[in-house]
Protein backbone atom coordinates (compact mmCIF):
# COMPACT_ATOMS: atom_id res chain seq x y z
CA MET A 1 -6.23 7.32 11.99
CA LYS A 2 -2.69 7.98 12.76
CA TYR A 3 -0.56 4.87 12.26
CA THR A 4 2.70 4.03 13.93
CA ARG A 5 5.75 3.50 11.72
CA PHE A 6 5.45 -0.30 12.38
CA GLU A 7 1.77 -0.23 11.33
CA LYS A 8 2.57 1.81 8.22
CA ALA A 9 5.36 -0.63 7.26
CA ARG A 10 3.08 -3.64 7.69
CA ILE A 11 0.22 -2.06 5.64
CA ILE A 12 2.57 -1.08 2.75
CA GLY A 13 4.35 -4.39 2.83
CA ALA A 14 1.08 -6.40 2.87
CA ARG A 15 -0.33 -4.25 0.01
CA ALA A 16 3.03 -4.46 -2.00
CA LEU A 17 2.75 -8.29 -1.73
CA GLN A 18 -0.81 -8.32 -3.02
CA ILE A 19 0.19 -6.07 -5.95
CA ALA A 20 3.14 -8.32 -6.78
CA TYR A 21 0.84 -11.30 -6.91
CA GLY A 22 -1.47 -9.53 -9.40
CA ALA A 23 -4.00 -7.62 -7.33
CA PRO A 24 -5.56 -4.65 -9.22
CA VAL A 25 -3.84 -1.23 -8.48
CA LEU A 26 -6.32 1.21 -6.95
CA VAL A 27 -4.72 4.48 -8.14
CA ASP A 28 -3.19 5.85 -11.39
CA TYR A 29 0.53 5.59 -11.37
CA PRO A 30 3.27 6.47 -13.92
CA ASP A 31 4.22 3.99 -16.54
CA ASP A 32 7.83 4.05 -15.36
CA MET A 33 6.90 2.97 -11.77
CA LEU A 34 7.38 -0.74 -11.80
CA ASP A 35 8.25 -1.63 -8.16
CA SER A 36 5.25 -2.93 -6.21
CA ILE A 37 6.51 -1.22 -3.02
CA ASP A 38 6.57 2.23 -4.69
CA ILE A 39 2.98 1.65 -5.97
CA ALA A 40 1.90 0.58 -2.52
CA MET A 41 3.45 3.68 -1.04
CA LEU A 42 1.66 5.80 -3.60
CA GLU A 43 -1.66 4.12 -2.62
CA TYR A 44 -0.93 4.66 1.10
CA LYS A 45 -0.26 8.47 0.39
CA GLN A 46 -3.41 8.69 -1.41
CA ASP A 47 -5.41 6.81 1.36
CA ALA A 48 -6.61 4.14 -1.07
CA ILE A 49 -5.45 0.97 0.70
CA PRO A 50 -8.41 -1.14 1.87
CA ILE A 51 -6.62 -2.47 4.90
CA THR A 52 -7.69 -1.66 8.48
CA VAL A 53 -5.71 -1.89 11.74
CA VAL A 54 -7.37 -3.32 14.80
CA ARG A 55 -5.75 -2.19 18.04
CA ASN A 56 -6.52 -3.94 21.38
């Protein structure tokens, strides 16, 4: 599914918040990557985020 830039921002932001609060990371990431937003973006690129978008 192709997401709009707003949906992409919402998905990455929601996932980054989950990671910041201690949710398990779903992909392997480098040890020097500490920012939850960067990790969420990496998960998005690897299509590993378990969030769906419902459009009306």
